[in-house]
């Protein structure tokens, strides 16, 4: 089972990925690249869901261990 620092690192990684994908999507939309922007939107949804699971795991860890 991951410790609290690993759980927080997982959240940071997902947030970083969200920021990167968002930036790429903004550029794609600015360039009128609808296909790329749409593909990135799908990927953003997946990463956001993954980030939410990471946050949930961290919250549960804090509840279980009183961190």
PDB file of N, CA and C in Angstrom:
ATOM      1  N   UNK A   1       0.851  -1.177   0.000  1.00  0.00           N
ATOM      2  CA  UNK A   1       0.000   0.000   0.000  1.00  0.00           C
ATOM      3  C   UNK A   1       0.898   1.241   0.000  1.00  0.00           C
ATOM      4  N   UNK A   2       0.596   2.203  -0.862  1.00  0.00           N
ATOM      5  CA  UNK A   2       1.423   3.415  -0.922  1.00  0.00           C
ATOM      6  C   UNK A   2       1.291   4.252   0.349  1.00  0.00           C
ATOM      7  N   UNK A   3       2.369   4.947   0.690  1.00  0.00           N
ATOM      8  CA  UNK A   3       2.310   5.849   1.834  1.00  0.00           C
ATOM      9  C   UNK A   3       1.766   7.201   1.387  1.00  0.00           C
ATOM     10  N   UNK A   4       1.564   8.097   2.360  1.00  0.00           N
ATOM     11  CA  UNK A   4       0.946   9.381   2.058  1.00  0.00           C
ATOM     12  C   UNK A   4       1.745  10.179   1.031  1.00  0.00           C
ATOM     13  N   UNK A   5       3.065  10.167   1.142  1.00  0.00           N
ATOM     14  CA  UNK A   5       3.866  10.958   0.196  1.00  0.00           C
ATOM     15  C   UNK A   5       3.723  10.433  -1.230  1.00  0.00           C
ATOM     16  N   UNK A   6       3.616   9.127  -1.404  1.00  0.00           N
ATOM     17  CA  UNK A   6       3.424   8.569  -2.747  1.00  0.00           C
ATOM     18  C   UNK A   6       2.045   8.926  -3.285  1.00  0.00           C
ATOM     19  N   UNK A   7       1.044   8.886  -2.405  1.00  0.00           N
ATOM     20  CA  UNK A   7      -0.301   9.258  -2.828  1.00  0.00           C
ATOM     21  C   UNK A   7      -0.349  10.718  -3.270  1.00  0.00           C
ATOM     22  N   UNK A   8       0.312  11.591  -2.530  1.00  0.00           N
ATOM     23  CA  UNK A   8       0.369  13.002  -2.916  1.00  0.00           C
ATOM     24  C   UNK A   8       1.148  13.190  -4.213  1.00  0.00           C
ATOM     25  N   UNK A   9       2.216  12.429  -4.393  1.00  0.00           N
ATOM     26  CA  UNK A   9       2.989  12.496  -5.639  1.00  0.00           C
ATOM     27  C   UNK A   9       2.131  12.083  -6.828  1.00  0.00           C
ATOM     28  N   UNK A  10       1.287  11.079  -6.635  1.00  0.00           N
ATOM     29  CA  UNK A  10       0.384  10.648  -7.704  1.00  0.00           C
ATOM     30  C   UNK A  10      -0.558  11.778  -8.103  1.00  0.00           C
ATOM     31  N   UNK A  11      -1.072  12.505  -7.111  1.00  0.00           N
ATOM     32  CA  UNK A  11      -1.960  13.638  -7.399  1.00  0.00           C
ATOM     33  C   UNK A  11      -1.206  14.715  -8.171  1.00  0.00           C
ATOM     34  N   UNK A  12      -0.003  15.028  -7.730  1.00  0.00           N
ATOM     35  CA  UNK A  12       0.808  16.045  -8.404  1.00  0.00           C
ATOM     36  C   UNK A  12       1.077  15.655  -9.853  1.00  0.00           C
ATOM     37  N   UNK A  13       1.373  14.386 -10.097  1.00  0.00           N
ATOM     38  CA  UNK A  13       1.624  13.920 -11.460  1.00  0.00           C
ATOM     39  C   UNK A  13       0.388  14.096 -12.339  1.00  0.00           C
ATOM     40  N   UNK A  14      -0.769  13.785 -11.800  1.00  0.00           N
ATOM     41  CA  UNK A  14      -2.008  13.943 -12.573  1.00  0.00           C
ATOM     42  C   UNK A  14      -2.304  15.418 -12.832  1.00  0.00           C
ATOM     43  N   UNK A  15      -2.088  16.267 -11.840  1.00  0.00           N
ATOM     44  CA  UNK A  15      -2.304  17.706 -12.036  1.00  0.00           C
ATOM     45  C   UNK A  15      -1.351  18.268 -13.087  1.00  0.00           C
ATOM     46  N   UNK A  16      -0.115  17.801 -13.072  1.00  0.00           N
ATOM     47  CA  UNK A  16       0.862  18.234 -14.062  1.00  0.00           C
ATOM     48  C   UNK A  16       0.443  17.787 -15.458  1.00  0.00           C
ATOM     49  N   UNK A  17      -0.044  16.554 -15.552  1.00  0.00           N
ATOM     50  CA  UNK A  17      -0.501  16.045 -16.841  1.00  0.00           C
ATOM     51  C   UNK A  17      -1.720  16.836 -17.328  1.00  0.00           C
ATOM     52  N   UNK A  18      -2.638  17.159 -16.409  1.00  0.00           N
ATOM     53  CA  UNK A  18      -3.801  17.966 -16.779  1.00  0.00           C
ATOM     54  C   UNK A  18      -3.375  19.335 -17.307  1.00  0.00           C
ATOM     55  N   UNK A  19      -2.414  19.956 -16.644  1.00  0.00           N
ATOM     56  CA  UNK A  19      -1.943  21.272 -17.078  1.00  0.00           C
ATOM     57  C   UNK A  19      -1.315  21.184 -18.467  1.00  0.00           C
ATOM     58  N   UNK A  20      -0.517  20.154 -18.701  1.00  0.00           N
ATOM     59  CA  UNK A  20       0.140  19.981 -20.000  1.00  0.00           C
ATOM     60  C   UNK A  20      -0.884  19.750 -21.110  1.00  0.00           C
ATOM     61  N   UNK A  21      -1.835  18.865 -20.854  1.00  0.00           N
ATOM     62  CA  UNK A  21      -2.850  18.589 -21.857  1.00  0.00           C
ATOM     63  C   UNK A  21      -3.718  19.817 -22.115  1.00  0.00           C
ATOM     64  N   UNK A  22      -4.037  20.565 -21.071  1.00  0.00           N
ATOM     65  CA  UNK A  22      -4.842  21.779 -21.229  1.00  0.00           C
ATOM     66  C   UNK A  22      -4.126  22.802 -22.097  1.00  0.00           C
ATOM     67  N   UNK A  23      -2.837  22.938 -21.875  1.00  0.00           N
ATOM     68  CA  UNK A  23      -2.045  23.881 -22.667  1.00  0.00           C
ATOM     69  C   UNK A  23      -2.027  23.443 -24.136  1.00  0.00           C
ATOM     70  N   UNK A  24      -1.822  22.156 -24.362  1.00  0.00           N
ATOM     71  CA  UNK A  24      -1.817  21.636 -25.729  1.00  0.00           C
ATOM     72  C   UNK A  24      -3.179  21.840 -26.385  1.00  0.00           C
ATOM     73  N   UNK A  25      -4.246  21.635 -25.613  1.00  0.00           N
ATOM     74  CA  UNK A  25      -5.579  21.821 -26.160  1.00  0.00           C
ATOM     75  C   UNK A  25      -5.831  23.291 -26.518  1.00  0.00           C
ATOM     76  N   UNK A  26      -5.363  24.188 -25.670  1.00  0.00           N
ATOM     77  CA  UNK A  26      -5.526  25.616 -25.951  1.00  0.00           C
ATOM     78  C   UNK A  26      -4.822  25.981 -27.255  1.00  0.00           C
ATOM     79  N   UNK A  27      -3.613  25.467 -27.448  1.00  0.00           N
ATOM     80  CA  UNK A  27      -2.891  25.733 -28.692  1.00  0.00           C
ATOM     81  C   UNK A  27      -3.632  25.133 -29.891  1.00  0.00           C
ATOM     82  N   UNK A  28      -4.156  23.925 -29.716  1.00  0.00           N
ATOM     83  CA  UNK A  28      -4.875  23.275 -30.812  1.00  0.00           C
ATOM     84  C   UNK A  28      -6.119  24.075 -31.182  1.00  0.00           C
ATOM     85  N   UNK A  29      -6.833  24.541 -30.185  1.00  0.00           N
ATOM     86  CA  UNK A  29      -8.036  25.346 -30.463  1.00  0.00           C
ATOM     87  C   UNK A  29      -7.649  26.672 -31.131  1.00  0.00           C
ATOM     88  N   UNK A  30      -6.573  27.271 -30.669  1.00  0.00           N
ATOM     89  CA  UNK A  30      -6.098  28.520 -31.266  1.00  0.00           C
ATOM     90  C   UNK A  30      -5.712  28.325 -32.725  1.00  0.00           C
ATOM     91  N   UNK A  31      -5.182  27.150 -33.035  1.00  0.00           N
ATOM     92  CA  UNK A  31      -4.779  26.823 -34.412  1.00  0.00           C
ATOM     93  C   UNK A  31      -5.936  26.237 -35.231  1.00  0.00           C
ATOM     94  N   UNK A  32      -7.147  26.217 -34.664  1.00  0.00           N
ATOM     95  CA  UNK A  32      -8.326  25.639 -35.321  1.00  0.00           C
ATOM     96  C   UNK A  32      -8.141  24.173 -35.692  1.00  0.00           C
ATOM     97  N   UNK A  33      -7.361  23.458 -34.880  1.00  0.00           N
ATOM     98  CA  UNK A  33      -7.158  22.031 -35.094  1.00  0.00           C
ATOM     99  C   UNK A  33      -8.208  21.281 -34.265  1.00  0.00           C
ATOM    100  N   UNK A  34      -9.393  21.160 -34.847  1.00  0.00           N
ATOM    101  CA  UNK A  34     -10.537  20.601 -34.120  1.00  0.00           C
ATOM    102  C   UNK A  34     -10.296  19.144 -33.735  1.00  0.00           C
ATOM    103  N   UNK A  35      -9.726  18.357 -34.623  1.00  0.00           N
ATOM    104  CA  UNK A  35      -9.496  16.939 -34.319  1.00  0.00           C
ATOM    105  C   UNK A  35      -8.565  16.793 -33.120  1.00  0.00           C
ATOM    106  N   UNK A  36      -7.452  17.497 -33.125  1.00  0.00           N
ATOM    107  CA  UNK A  36      -6.517  17.399 -32.010  1.00  0.00           C
ATOM    108  C   UNK A  36      -7.162  17.909 -30.723  1.00  0.00           C
ATOM    109  N   UNK A  37      -7.867  19.015 -30.802  1.00  0.00           N
ATOM    110  CA  UNK A  37      -8.524  19.561 -29.611  1.00  0.00           C
ATOM    111  C   UNK A  37      -9.534  18.574 -29.046  1.00  0.00           C
ATOM    112  N   UNK A  38     -10.266  17.907 -29.923  1.00  0.00           N
ATOM    113  CA  UNK A  38     -11.247  16.909 -29.484  1.00  0.00           C
ATOM    114  C   UNK A  38     -10.563  15.702 -28.862  1.00  0.00           C
ATOM    115  N   UNK A  39      -9.490  15.233 -29.483  1.00  0.00           N
ATOM    116  CA  UNK A  39      -8.722  14.117 -28.923  1.00  0.00           C
ATOM    117  C   UNK A  39      -8.164  14.475 -27.541  1.00  0.00           C
ATOM    118  N   UNK A  40      -7.662  15.675 -27.420  1.00  0.00           N
ATOM    119  CA  UNK A  40      -7.115  16.113 -26.134  1.00  0.00           C
ATOM    120  C   UNK A  40      -8.214  16.256 -25.090  1.00  0.00           C
ATOM    121  N   UNK A  41      -9.399  16.659 -25.502  1.00  0.00           N
ATOM    122  CA  UNK A  41     -10.525  16.766 -24.586  1.00  0.00           C
ATOM    123  C   UNK A  41     -10.851  15.401 -23.991  1.00  0.00           C
ATOM    124  N   UNK A  42     -10.840  14.378 -24.825  1.00  0.00           N
ATOM    125  CA  UNK A  42     -11.074  13.014 -24.359  1.00  0.00           C
ATOM    126  C   UNK A  42      -9.999  12.592 -23.366  1.00  0.00           C
ATOM    127  N   UNK A  43      -8.744  12.865 -23.702  1.00  0.00           N
ATOM    128  CA  UNK A  43      -7.639  12.517 -22.805  1.00  0.00           C
ATOM    129  C   UNK A  43      -7.730  13.294 -21.492  1.00  0.00           C
ATOM    130  N   UNK A  44      -8.139  14.558 -21.567  1.00  0.00           N
ATOM    131  CA  UNK A  44      -8.318  15.350 -20.351  1.00  0.00           C
ATOM    132  C   UNK A  44      -9.366  14.722 -19.438  1.00  0.00           C
ATOM    133  N   UNK A  45     -10.453  14.248 -20.017  1.00  0.00           N
ATOM    134  CA  UNK A  45     -11.482  13.592 -19.210  1.00  0.00           C
ATOM    135  C   UNK A  45     -10.920  12.365 -18.496  1.00  0.00           C
ATOM    136  N   UNK A  46     -10.151  11.562 -19.222  1.00  0.00           N
ATOM    137  CA  UNK A  46      -9.579  10.355 -18.617  1.00  0.00           C
ATOM    138  C   UNK A  46      -8.608  10.689 -17.495  1.00  0.00           C
ATOM    139  N   UNK A  47      -7.754  11.671 -17.723  1.00  0.00           N
ATOM    140  CA  UNK A  47      -6.770  12.042 -16.698  1.00  0.00           C
ATOM    141  C   UNK A  47      -7.466  12.677 -15.498  1.00  0.00           C
ATOM    142  N   UNK A  48      -8.505  13.464 -15.749  1.00  0.00           N
ATOM    143  CA  UNK A  48      -9.255  14.064 -14.647  1.00  0.00           C
ATOM    144  C   UNK A  48      -9.882  12.978 -13.773  1.00  0.00           C
ATOM    145  N   UNK A  49     -10.465  11.969 -14.397  1.00  0.00           N
ATOM    146  CA  UNK A  49     -11.034  10.852 -13.640  1.00  0.00           C
ATOM    147  C   UNK A  49      -9.954  10.149 -12.827  1.00  0.00           C
ATOM    148  N   UNK A  50      -8.798   9.952 -13.418  1.00  0.00           N
ATOM    149  CA  UNK A  50      -7.689   9.315 -12.731  1.00  0.00           C
ATOM    150  C   UNK A  50      -7.218  10.160 -11.543  1.00  0.00           C
ATOM    151  N   UNK A  51      -7.153  11.479 -11.746  1.00  0.00           N
ATOM    152  CA  UNK A  51      -6.769  12.389 -10.661  1.00  0.00           C
ATOM    153  C   UNK A  51      -7.758  12.298  -9.518  1.00  0.00           C
ATOM    154  N   UNK A  52      -9.038  12.237  -9.836  1.00  0.00           N
ATOM    155  CA  UNK A  52     -10.065  12.129  -8.801  1.00  0.00           C
ATOM    156  C   UNK A  52      -9.908  10.835  -8.005  1.00  0.00           C
ATOM    157  N   UNK A  53      -9.555   9.747  -8.679  1.00  0.00           N
ATOM    158  CA  UNK A  53      -9.306   8.487  -7.968  1.00  0.00           C
ATOM    159  C   UNK A  53      -8.093   8.610  -7.052  1.00  0.00           C
ATOM    160  N   UNK A  54      -7.069   9.313  -7.521  1.00  0.00           N
ATOM    161  CA  UNK A  54      -5.878   9.530  -6.686  1.00  0.00           C
ATOM    162  C   UNK A  54      -6.223  10.359  -5.452  1.00  0.00           C
ATOM    163  N   UNK A  55      -7.032  11.383  -5.638  1.00  0.00           N
ATOM    164  CA  UNK A  55      -7.449  12.213  -4.499  1.00  0.00           C
ATOM    165  C   UNK A  55      -8.266  11.363  -3.533  1.00  0.00           C
ATOM    166  N   UNK A  56      -9.159  10.555  -4.066  1.00  0.00           N
ATOM    167  CA  UNK A  56      -9.962   9.677  -3.215  1.00  0.00           C
ATOM    168  C   UNK A  56      -9.107   8.716  -2.415  1.00  0.00           C
ATOM    169  N   UNK A  57      -8.082   8.158  -3.037  1.00  0.00           N
ATOM    170  CA  UNK A  57      -7.178   7.239  -2.334  1.00  0.00           C
ATOM    171  C   UNK A  57      -6.440   7.966  -1.222  1.00  0.00           C
ATOM    172  N   UNK A  58      -6.009   9.196  -1.494  1.00  0.00           N
ATOM    173  CA  UNK A  58      -5.317   9.979  -0.474  1.00  0.00           C
ATOM    174  C   UNK A  58      -6.251  10.308   0.689  1.00  0.00           C
ATOM    175  N   UNK A  59      -7.480  10.747   0.386  1.00  0.00           N
ATOM    176  CA  UNK A  59      -8.458  11.070   1.433  1.00  0.00           C
ATOM    177  C   UNK A  59      -8.734   9.833   2.290  1.00  0.00           C
ATOM    178  N   UNK A  60      -8.902   8.693   1.651  1.00  0.00           N
ATOM    179  CA  UNK A  60      -9.154   7.464   2.409  1.00  0.00           C
ATOM    180  C   UNK A  60      -7.963   7.114   3.288  1.00  0.00           C
ATOM    181  N   UNK A  61      -6.759   7.292   2.775  1.00  0.00           N
ATOM    182  CA  UNK A  61      -5.552   7.030   3.550  1.00  0.00           C
ATOM    183  C   UNK A  61      -5.517   7.927   4.796  1.00  0.00           C
ATOM    184  N   UNK A  62      -5.818   9.202   4.593  1.00  0.00           N
ATOM    185  CA  UNK A  62      -5.818  10.145   5.726  1.00  0.00           C
ATOM    186  C   UNK A  62      -6.860   9.721   6.752  1.00  0.00           C
ATOM    187  N   UNK A  63      -8.030   9.336   6.314  1.00  0.00           N
ATOM    188  CA  UNK A  63      -9.071   8.867   7.241  1.00  0.00           C
ATOM    189  C   UNK A  63      -8.635   7.623   7.999  1.00  0.00           C
ATOM    190  N   UNK A  64      -8.041   6.682   7.257  1.00  0.00           N
ATOM    191  CA  UNK A  64      -7.647   5.409   7.865  1.00  0.00           C
ATOM    192  C   UNK A  64      -6.489   5.566   8.850  1.00  0.00           C
ATOM    193  N   UNK A  65      -5.566   6.462   8.544  1.00  0.00           N
ATOM    194  CA  UNK A  65      -4.333   6.555   9.333  1.00  0.00           C
ATOM    195  C   UNK A  65      -4.211   7.835  10.137  1.00  0.00           C
ATOM    196  N   UNK A  66      -5.170   8.741  10.012  1.00  0.00           N
ATOM    197  CA  UNK A  66      -5.149   9.967  10.786  1.00  0.00           C
ATOM    198  C   UNK A  66      -3.976  10.881  10.467  1.00  0.00           C
ATOM    199  N   UNK A  67      -3.511  10.840   9.235  1.00  0.00           N
ATOM    200  CA  UNK A  67      -2.370  11.669   8.835  1.00  0.00           C
ATOM    201  C   UNK A  67      -2.721  13.143   8.843  1.00  0.00           C
TER     202      UNK A  67
END
